[in-house]
Amino acid sequence: MFLAIIQILLSVAIITLILLQQRSAGTSGLLGGDSSGGVYQTRRGMEKAAFNATIVLSIVFVALALYQLVRS
């Protein structure tokens, strides 16, 4: 039960971080970002922290899911 609550909280955090990344990608063009339509974008500051946090939280989420699967 405790792990299920942690997974719910992790999923909400991951969704929030992904939505923040999508929102900042659209506004970076307004603030002087490259408008050439390139795919690659250098992440700096909060964008980089949110990107790395998304990866870490996703790995923890998958690890907890696998642990629950093996345990049951």
Protein backbone atom coordinates (compact mmCIF):
# COMPACT_ATOMS: atom_id res chain seq x y z
CA MET A 1 0.00 0.00 0.00
CA PHE A 2 2.83 2.35 0.91
CA LEU A 3 4.62 1.71 -2.41
CA ALA A 4 1.42 2.35 -4.35
CA ILE A 5 1.10 5.79 -2.75
CA ILE A 6 4.72 6.55 -3.59
CA GLN A 7 4.10 5.51 -7.22
CA ILE A 8 1.06 7.78 -7.44
CA LEU A 9 3.07 10.72 -6.12
CA LEU A 10 5.93 9.94 -8.51
CA SER A 11 3.56 9.77 -11.47
CA VAL A 12 2.08 13.17 -10.61
CA ALA A 13 5.58 14.64 -10.29
CA ILE A 14 6.67 13.14 -13.63
CA ILE A 15 3.57 14.45 -15.40
CA THR A 16 4.13 17.91 -13.91
CA LEU A 17 7.78 17.98 -14.98
CA ILE A 18 6.91 16.88 -18.51
CA LEU A 19 4.25 19.56 -18.82
CA LEU A 20 6.68 22.19 -17.55
CA GLN A 21 9.22 21.12 -20.16
CA GLN A 22 6.64 21.36 -22.93
CA ARG A 23 5.59 24.81 -21.76
CA SER A 24 9.15 26.10 -21.54
CA ALA A 25 9.98 24.77 -25.01
CA GLY A 26 7.28 26.97 -26.49
CA THR A 27 8.33 30.07 -24.61
CA SER A 28 12.06 29.72 -25.33
CA GLY A 29 11.42 30.87 -28.88
CA LEU A 30 9.81 34.03 -27.57
CA LEU A 31 12.82 34.79 -25.39
CA GLY A 32 15.37 34.69 -28.18
CA GLY A 33 15.59 30.98 -28.81
CA ASP A 34 16.62 29.58 -32.16
CA SER A 35 13.66 29.60 -34.54
CA SER A 36 15.37 27.63 -37.30
CA GLY A 37 13.28 24.57 -36.51
CA GLY A 38 16.18 22.44 -35.34
CA VAL A 39 15.48 19.47 -33.12
CA TYR A 40 18.48 19.80 -30.79
CA GLN A 41 18.21 22.36 -28.02
CA THR A 42 20.76 23.05 -25.30
CA ARG A 43 19.20 22.82 -21.87
CA ARG A 44 20.41 25.22 -19.21
CA GLY A 45 19.46 26.08 -15.67
CA MET A 46 15.98 25.02 -14.65
CA GLU A 47 15.33 23.28 -17.98
CA LYS A 48 18.31 21.00 -17.41
CA ALA A 49 17.30 20.33 -13.79
CA ALA A 50 13.73 19.48 -14.82
CA PHE A 51 14.99 17.21 -17.61
CA ASN A 52 17.36 15.33 -15.28
CA ALA A 53 14.72 15.09 -12.55
CA THR A 54 12.28 13.60 -15.06
CA ILE A 55 14.80 10.90 -15.97
CA VAL A 56 15.62 10.08 -12.33
CA LEU A 57 11.96 9.98 -11.24
CA SER A 58 11.06 7.80 -14.22
CA ILE A 59 13.80 5.30 -13.34
CA VAL A 60 12.63 5.20 -9.71
CA PHE A 61 9.02 4.74 -10.87
CA VAL A 62 9.92 1.81 -13.13
CA ALA A 63 12.10 0.24 -10.41
CA LEU A 64 9.22 0.41 -7.93
CA ALA A 65 6.84 -1.09 -10.47
CA LEU A 66 9.22 -3.98 -11.15
CA TYR A 67 9.74 -4.50 -7.42
CA GLN A 68 5.98 -4.72 -6.86
CA LEU A 69 5.67 -7.13 -9.77
CA VAL A 70 8.37 -9.44 -8.44
CA ARG A 71 7.09 -9.20 -4.87
CA SER A 72 3.54 -10.25 -5.73
